[in-house]
Amino acid sequence: MLQSIWIGTAILALISIGVMIALMVRRWFIDAGKANDAVLQKQLRQSLMEFTAAHDEDALSEALSQFPAPLVIEVCFQFVEVLRGDDREQIVRVLAAAGYPDEIRRQLLNGQEAQKLSAIERLTSFPYQDTRKALLAALNDRKREVRIAASIALARLDALPPLAETIDRIGFRGQRSRRLIELFRSVPTDRSDELIALATNRDLPDFVRAAAVDALGHTGQFGYIAEIEALLADPHTEVQAAVIRALGLIGHPRSADTLLAALDNPSWEVRLEAASAAGRLGLSAANGGLARLLNDDEWIVRYTAAKSLSALGDEGQQTLVALSQGPSSRTQRSAAVLLAEENRA
């Protein structure tokens, strides 16, 4: 019995030693591979630097062929990120002529999520039919962030399917993404009616509708103000706040009364957006409403109102000074803090 225990212990010890040796060998190969990659990257960057001096596309193409395709793609796109004009266009042209977009499309099809996201961004440099097909196929990827990234790329290439169809393919229930806002902002202005359709579709989640309203605000178009203002009657705070933010971005005079009324909205998110818009647009009529918000229950609303008062010019500054010198209160402290901050600046 005791002998069996000793034998078992010895076997386990040998296994442990074997595993440790295997891990050490594996680490050695990894480190060696990284060192080799570093050498190759340095050589490749040198070839790219020589190209920017000589502009010999044939020589660059020959140099690139000496390196593994994934390394070429990674290093070249890191390099062109800091380039503008002809140098960048020439390198992209060399990559296209050598067939590297095919490798990028393979990465989009078979890579991990991070690799797919990089591939999508890089494919926009090659606005060909094959690129559009690959991006359209990526709308069916199992990862939602990949689907959103593909949609943004298609919008940049002016190849985005109908927005309602795109949203159905992306999916949205129970999932938020800041990139959805980026997607909507990428929609061409001549397709703003599709954003209106999303914003007014009450079957969609609030954050999707709010993102559509936000994008409408960033278009700066006056033509949809009536439809946007009508959404203030929506029962959902997120949509209402997006409406006020959009009206503040568009800045049409007809929206002034709406923005002033929103300073007294029951929702602090809406009051916050109204205060910000009043300062951005320089609404002198908001002086009294902003002064009231210095006593708001929410700190961020008080601070934004004070900043906006300061942005109104002499009248707003005078209001801040007068309030800061009043009896000790939340209003007095809000005004004093902002004035002290500006003095420090």
Protein backbone atom coordinates (compact mmCIF):
# COMPACT_ATOMS: atom_id res chain seq x y z
CA MET A 1 0.00 0.00 0.00
CA LEU A 2 2.78 2.40 1.02
CA GLN A 3 4.73 1.48 -2.08
CA SER A 4 1.76 2.33 -4.31
CA ILE A 5 1.48 5.75 -2.69
CA TRP A 6 5.18 6.41 -3.34
CA ILE A 7 4.89 5.31 -6.95
CA GLY A 8 1.80 7.50 -7.46
CA THR A 9 3.58 10.47 -5.92
CA ALA A 10 6.60 9.96 -8.16
CA ILE A 11 4.38 9.76 -11.26
CA LEU A 12 2.60 12.99 -10.33
CA ALA A 13 5.94 14.70 -9.73
CA LEU A 14 7.18 13.59 -13.16
CA ILE A 15 3.97 14.81 -14.79
CA SER A 16 4.36 18.20 -13.06
CA ILE A 17 7.95 18.48 -14.24
CA GLY A 18 6.89 17.53 -17.78
CA VAL A 19 4.12 20.14 -17.82
CA MET A 20 6.51 22.80 -16.53
CA ILE A 21 9.07 21.96 -19.20
CA ALA A 22 6.36 22.05 -21.89
CA LEU A 23 5.21 25.48 -20.71
CA MET A 24 8.79 26.77 -20.69
CA VAL A 25 9.34 25.50 -24.24
CA ARG A 26 6.07 27.03 -25.35
CA ARG A 27 7.01 30.36 -23.80
CA TRP A 28 10.39 30.20 -25.53
CA PHE A 29 8.76 29.70 -28.91
CA ILE A 30 6.31 32.56 -28.24
CA ASP A 31 9.10 34.92 -27.23
CA ALA A 32 11.18 33.87 -30.22
CA GLY A 33 8.22 34.45 -32.51
CA LYS A 34 7.64 37.91 -31.06
CA ALA A 35 11.30 38.79 -31.46
CA ASN A 36 11.21 37.63 -35.07
CA ASP A 37 8.03 39.61 -35.72
CA ALA A 38 9.65 42.72 -34.26
CA VAL A 39 12.59 42.35 -36.65
CA LEU A 40 10.27 41.85 -39.63
CA GLN A 41 8.13 44.84 -38.62
CA LYS A 42 11.22 47.03 -38.43
CA GLN A 43 12.33 45.89 -41.89
CA LEU A 44 8.88 46.46 -43.33
CA ARG A 45 8.63 49.95 -41.85
CA GLN A 46 12.01 50.75 -43.37
CA SER A 47 10.71 49.69 -46.78
CA LEU A 48 7.68 51.95 -46.32
CA MET A 49 9.88 54.88 -45.30
CA GLU A 50 12.03 54.34 -48.40
CA PHE A 51 8.88 54.34 -50.51
CA THR A 52 7.76 57.73 -49.18
CA ALA A 53 11.08 59.12 -50.40
CA ALA A 54 11.35 57.32 -53.76
CA HIS A 55 7.66 56.69 -54.61
CA ASP A 56 8.57 53.54 -56.51
CA GLU A 57 5.42 51.42 -56.42
CA ASP A 58 7.04 48.43 -58.12
CA ALA A 59 9.84 48.39 -55.56
CA LEU A 60 7.37 48.60 -52.71
CA SER A 61 5.28 45.78 -54.14
CA GLU A 62 8.40 43.61 -54.42
CA ALA A 63 9.41 44.48 -50.84
CA LEU A 64 5.96 43.63 -49.46
CA SER A 65 6.01 40.24 -51.13
CA GLN A 66 8.90 39.23 -48.85
CA PHE A 67 6.75 39.38 -45.72
CA PRO A 68 3.73 37.38 -44.46
CA ALA A 69 0.44 38.89 -45.62
CA PRO A 70 -1.04 39.41 -42.11
CA LEU A 71 2.10 41.28 -41.06
CA VAL A 72 2.01 43.44 -44.19
CA ILE A 73 -1.60 44.40 -43.55
CA GLU A 74 -1.03 45.21 -39.88
CA VAL A 75 2.12 47.29 -40.38
CA CYS A 76 0.96 49.07 -43.53
CA PHE A 77 -2.29 50.23 -41.97
CA GLN A 78 -0.47 51.38 -38.85
CA PHE A 79 1.84 53.31 -41.15
CA VAL A 80 -0.81 54.93 -43.35
CA GLU A 81 -2.75 56.14 -40.31
CA VAL A 82 -0.25 58.99 -40.00
CA LEU A 83 -0.11 59.73 -43.74
CA ARG A 84 -2.25 61.99 -45.88
CA GLY A 85 -2.56 62.70 -49.57
CA ASP A 86 -0.62 60.94 -52.31
CA ASP A 87 1.63 58.82 -50.08
CA ARG A 88 -1.35 57.16 -48.43
CA GLU A 89 -3.21 56.67 -51.70
CA GLN A 90 -0.17 55.12 -53.35
CA ILE A 91 0.41 52.60 -50.55
CA VAL A 92 -3.26 51.63 -50.59
CA ARG A 93 -3.06 51.26 -54.37
CA VAL A 94 -0.04 48.96 -54.06
CA LEU A 95 -1.86 46.84 -51.46
CA ALA A 96 -4.90 46.60 -53.74
CA ALA A 97 -2.85 45.64 -56.81
CA ALA A 98 -1.07 42.92 -54.82
CA GLY A 99 -4.36 41.36 -53.70
CA TYR A 100 -4.17 42.17 -50.00
CA PRO A 101 -7.88 43.10 -49.82
CA ASP A 102 -8.56 39.38 -50.39
CA GLU A 103 -6.61 38.57 -47.23
CA ILE A 104 -8.51 41.25 -45.29
CA ARG A 105 -11.80 39.78 -46.46
CA ARG A 106 -10.63 36.36 -45.26
CA GLN A 107 -9.90 37.90 -41.86
CA LEU A 108 -13.41 39.32 -41.81
CA LEU A 109 -14.85 35.92 -42.63
CA ASN A 110 -12.77 33.72 -40.34
CA GLY A 111 -11.08 35.93 -37.72
CA GLN A 112 -11.86 36.56 -34.08
CA GLU A 113 -14.08 39.52 -33.21
CA ALA A 114 -11.23 42.03 -32.77
CA GLN A 115 -9.67 40.93 -36.06
CA LYS A 116 -13.02 41.24 -37.83
CA LEU A 117 -13.53 44.77 -36.52
CA SER A 118 -10.07 45.78 -37.77
CA ALA A 119 -10.77 44.14 -41.13
CA ILE A 120 -13.99 46.09 -41.55
CA GLU A 121 -12.25 49.39 -40.85
CA ARG A 122 -9.48 48.56 -43.31
CA LEU A 123 -11.79 47.40 -46.06
CA THR A 124 -13.24 50.90 -46.38
CA SER A 125 -9.94 51.87 -48.01
CA PHE A 126 -10.89 49.56 -50.91
CA PRO A 127 -14.35 50.73 -52.05
CA TYR A 128 -14.89 47.95 -54.55
CA GLN A 129 -17.83 45.68 -55.24
CA ASP A 130 -16.12 42.77 -53.47
CA THR A 131 -15.74 44.94 -50.38
CA ARG A 132 -19.43 45.82 -50.39
CA LYS A 133 -20.38 42.16 -50.75
CA ALA A 134 -18.14 41.19 -47.84
CA LEU A 135 -19.57 43.93 -45.63
CA LEU A 136 -23.14 43.00 -46.52
CA ALA A 137 -22.36 39.40 -45.59
CA ALA A 138 -20.94 40.63 -42.27
CA LEU A 139 -24.40 41.97 -41.39
CA ASN A 140 -25.19 38.33 -40.63
CA ASP A 141 -22.19 37.81 -38.35
CA ARG A 142 -23.01 36.23 -34.98
CA LYS A 143 -21.37 39.14 -33.11
CA ARG A 144 -23.54 42.23 -32.83
CA GLU A 145 -20.60 44.67 -32.69
CA VAL A 146 -19.32 43.23 -35.97
CA ARG A 147 -22.74 43.77 -37.55
CA ILE A 148 -22.81 47.38 -36.36
CA ALA A 149 -19.27 48.04 -37.60
CA ALA A 150 -20.15 46.58 -41.00
CA SER A 151 -23.20 48.83 -41.16
CA ILE A 152 -21.12 51.92 -40.41
CA ALA A 153 -18.62 50.94 -43.10
CA LEU A 154 -21.43 50.43 -45.62
CA ALA A 155 -22.82 53.86 -44.77
CA ARG A 156 -19.41 55.41 -45.43
CA LEU A 157 -19.34 53.66 -48.79
CA ASP A 158 -22.89 54.83 -49.55
CA ALA A 159 -23.98 51.20 -49.76
CA LEU A 160 -26.10 50.84 -46.61
CA PRO A 161 -29.32 48.85 -47.08
CA PRO A 162 -32.59 50.46 -45.95
CA LEU A 163 -32.13 51.53 -42.34
CA ALA A 164 -35.12 49.58 -41.02
CA GLU A 165 -33.75 46.41 -42.64
CA THR A 166 -30.29 47.14 -41.25
CA ILE A 167 -31.64 47.52 -37.71
CA ASP A 168 -33.52 44.23 -38.03
CA ARG A 169 -30.31 42.49 -39.08
CA ILE A 170 -28.26 44.10 -36.32
CA GLY A 171 -30.77 43.26 -33.62
CA PHE A 172 -31.23 45.41 -30.59
CA ARG A 173 -33.36 43.90 -27.85
CA GLY A 174 -31.70 44.14 -24.45
CA GLN A 175 -28.45 45.45 -25.93
CA ARG A 176 -27.12 48.98 -26.06
CA SER A 177 -24.17 50.20 -28.06
CA ARG A 178 -22.64 53.65 -28.45
CA ARG A 179 -21.72 52.62 -31.98
CA LEU A 180 -25.39 52.60 -32.87
CA ILE A 181 -25.27 56.39 -32.51
CA GLU A 182 -22.23 56.43 -34.79
CA LEU A 183 -24.13 54.37 -37.34
CA PHE A 184 -27.10 56.72 -37.39
CA ARG A 185 -24.83 59.74 -37.69
CA SER A 186 -23.20 58.07 -40.71
CA VAL A 187 -26.48 57.94 -42.60
CA PRO A 188 -26.41 60.41 -45.53
CA THR A 189 -28.59 63.50 -45.02
CA ASP A 190 -30.69 62.62 -48.05
CA ARG A 191 -31.88 59.56 -46.11
CA SER A 192 -32.99 61.48 -43.01
CA ASP A 193 -36.57 60.37 -43.60
CA GLU A 194 -35.43 56.87 -42.58
CA LEU A 195 -34.20 58.28 -39.27
CA ILE A 196 -37.56 59.96 -38.74
CA ALA A 197 -39.28 56.62 -39.37
CA LEU A 198 -37.13 54.98 -36.69
CA ALA A 199 -37.57 57.83 -34.23
CA THR A 200 -41.34 57.69 -34.49
CA ASN A 201 -41.61 53.89 -34.40
CA ARG A 202 -42.80 53.13 -30.86
CA ASP A 203 -42.22 49.41 -31.38
CA LEU A 204 -38.48 50.07 -31.17
CA PRO A 205 -36.55 50.39 -27.88
CA ASP A 206 -36.15 53.88 -26.47
CA PHE A 207 -32.40 53.99 -26.96
CA VAL A 208 -32.72 53.18 -30.67
CA ARG A 209 -35.29 55.93 -31.16
CA ALA A 210 -33.22 58.39 -29.12
CA ALA A 211 -30.14 57.58 -31.22
CA ALA A 212 -32.14 58.32 -34.38
CA VAL A 213 -33.27 61.69 -32.95
CA ASP A 214 -29.70 62.51 -31.97
CA ALA A 215 -28.53 61.80 -35.53
CA LEU A 216 -31.23 64.08 -36.91
CA GLY A 217 -29.90 66.85 -34.70
CA HIS A 218 -26.40 66.36 -36.07
CA THR A 219 -27.64 66.78 -39.65
CA GLY A 220 -28.41 70.43 -38.84
CA GLN A 221 -31.41 70.26 -41.17
CA PHE A 222 -34.42 72.47 -40.49
CA GLY A 223 -36.85 70.37 -42.51
CA TYR A 224 -37.69 67.88 -39.73
CA ILE A 225 -38.08 70.25 -36.77
CA ALA A 226 -41.86 69.78 -36.58
CA GLU A 227 -41.52 65.99 -36.46
CA ILE A 228 -38.75 66.21 -33.86
CA GLU A 229 -40.69 68.62 -31.62
CA ALA A 230 -43.75 66.36 -31.81
CA LEU A 231 -41.69 63.65 -30.07
CA LEU A 232 -41.61 65.76 -26.90
CA ALA A 233 -45.03 64.26 -26.22
CA ASP A 234 -43.41 60.83 -26.06
CA PRO A 235 -43.75 59.28 -22.60
CA HIS A 236 -40.13 58.11 -22.49
CA THR A 237 -37.54 60.41 -20.93
CA GLU A 238 -34.68 59.19 -23.08
CA VAL A 239 -36.51 60.20 -26.24
CA GLN A 240 -37.54 63.57 -24.79
CA ALA A 241 -33.96 64.36 -23.77
CA ALA A 242 -32.74 63.43 -27.26
CA VAL A 243 -35.32 65.79 -28.76
CA ILE A 244 -34.08 68.75 -26.72
CA ARG A 245 -30.46 67.88 -27.55
CA ALA A 246 -31.31 67.70 -31.26
CA LEU A 247 -33.16 71.02 -31.22
CA GLY A 248 -30.19 72.59 -29.49
CA LEU A 249 -27.88 71.25 -32.18
CA ILE A 250 -30.09 72.44 -35.04
CA GLY A 251 -30.56 75.86 -33.48
CA HIS A 252 -33.61 77.05 -35.38
CA PRO A 253 -35.20 80.20 -33.85
CA ARG A 254 -38.65 78.60 -33.81
CA SER A 255 -37.44 76.09 -31.22
CA ALA A 256 -36.48 78.74 -28.64
CA ASP A 257 -39.80 78.58 -26.78
CA THR A 258 -39.63 74.79 -26.67
CA LEU A 259 -36.13 74.91 -25.18
CA LEU A 260 -37.15 77.53 -22.62
CA ALA A 261 -40.13 75.44 -21.52
CA ALA A 262 -37.90 72.38 -21.19
CA LEU A 263 -35.88 74.13 -18.47
CA ASP A 264 -38.80 73.34 -16.15
CA ASN A 265 -39.37 69.78 -17.34
CA PRO A 266 -40.02 67.21 -14.57
CA SER A 267 -37.17 65.05 -15.87
CA TRP A 268 -33.67 66.11 -14.87
CA GLU A 269 -32.25 64.58 -18.07
CA VAL A 270 -34.45 66.91 -20.13
CA ARG A 271 -33.60 69.91 -17.95
CA LEU A 272 -29.92 69.09 -18.40
CA GLU A 273 -30.19 69.06 -22.19
CA ALA A 274 -32.25 72.27 -22.16
CA ALA A 275 -29.68 74.04 -19.99
CA SER A 276 -26.87 72.93 -22.27
CA ALA A 277 -28.76 74.02 -25.40
CA ALA A 278 -29.56 77.44 -23.93
CA GLY A 279 -25.89 78.14 -23.35
CA ARG A 280 -24.81 76.77 -26.72
CA LEU A 281 -27.33 78.94 -28.57
CA GLY A 282 -26.88 81.99 -26.36
CA LEU A 283 -30.58 82.26 -25.46
CA SER A 284 -30.68 85.41 -23.37
CA ALA A 285 -34.34 84.72 -22.58
CA ALA A 286 -33.15 81.65 -20.65
CA ASN A 287 -31.39 83.78 -18.03
CA GLY A 288 -34.16 83.41 -15.43
CA GLY A 289 -34.74 79.73 -16.09
CA LEU A 290 -31.04 78.93 -15.82
CA ALA A 291 -30.83 80.89 -12.57
CA ARG A 292 -33.63 78.71 -11.16
CA LEU A 293 -31.71 75.59 -12.15
CA LEU A 294 -28.84 76.58 -9.89
CA ASN A 295 -31.05 75.17 -7.15
CA ASP A 296 -31.80 71.93 -9.01
CA ASP A 297 -31.67 68.66 -7.08
CA GLU A 298 -29.15 67.25 -9.57
CA TRP A 299 -25.56 68.49 -9.35
CA ILE A 300 -24.90 68.07 -13.08
CA VAL A 301 -27.95 70.19 -13.91
CA ARG A 302 -26.81 72.94 -11.53
CA TYR A 303 -23.29 72.92 -12.97
CA THR A 304 -24.50 72.95 -16.60
CA ALA A 305 -26.92 75.78 -15.86
CA ALA A 306 -24.13 77.83 -14.30
CA LYS A 307 -21.87 77.19 -17.31
CA SER A 308 -24.65 78.24 -19.66
CA LEU A 309 -25.33 81.40 -17.69
CA SER A 310 -21.69 82.30 -18.08
CA ALA A 311 -21.98 81.67 -21.83
CA LEU A 312 -24.80 84.24 -22.12
CA GLY A 313 -22.35 87.12 -21.84
CA ASP A 314 -22.57 90.13 -19.58
CA GLU A 315 -26.15 89.49 -18.50
CA GLY A 316 -25.45 85.92 -17.49
CA GLN A 317 -22.21 86.88 -15.74
CA GLN A 318 -24.00 89.58 -13.78
CA THR A 319 -26.63 87.06 -12.71
CA LEU A 320 -23.95 84.66 -11.52
CA VAL A 321 -22.15 87.36 -9.55
CA ALA A 322 -25.37 88.56 -7.92
CA LEU A 323 -26.40 85.03 -6.95
CA SER A 324 -22.93 84.18 -5.63
CA GLN A 325 -23.14 87.13 -3.26
CA GLY A 326 -26.57 86.20 -1.91
CA PRO A 327 -27.46 84.30 1.26
CA SER A 328 -25.85 80.89 1.70
CA SER A 329 -27.85 78.38 -0.30
CA ARG A 330 -27.49 75.76 -3.00
CA THR A 331 -28.01 78.49 -5.60
CA GLN A 332 -25.35 80.70 -4.05
CA ARG A 333 -22.84 77.84 -3.87
CA SER A 334 -23.51 76.78 -7.48
CA ALA A 335 -22.83 80.31 -8.75
CA ALA A 336 -19.76 80.74 -6.55
CA VAL A 337 -18.23 77.43 -7.63
CA LEU A 338 -18.56 78.28 -11.30
CA LEU A 339 -17.10 81.78 -10.86
CA ALA A 340 -14.19 80.37 -8.87
CA GLU A 341 -13.56 77.79 -11.55
CA GLU A 342 -13.49 80.43 -14.27
CA ASN A 343 -11.18 82.63 -12.22
CA ARG A 344 -8.77 79.72 -11.80
CA ALA A 345 -8.83 79.14 -15.54
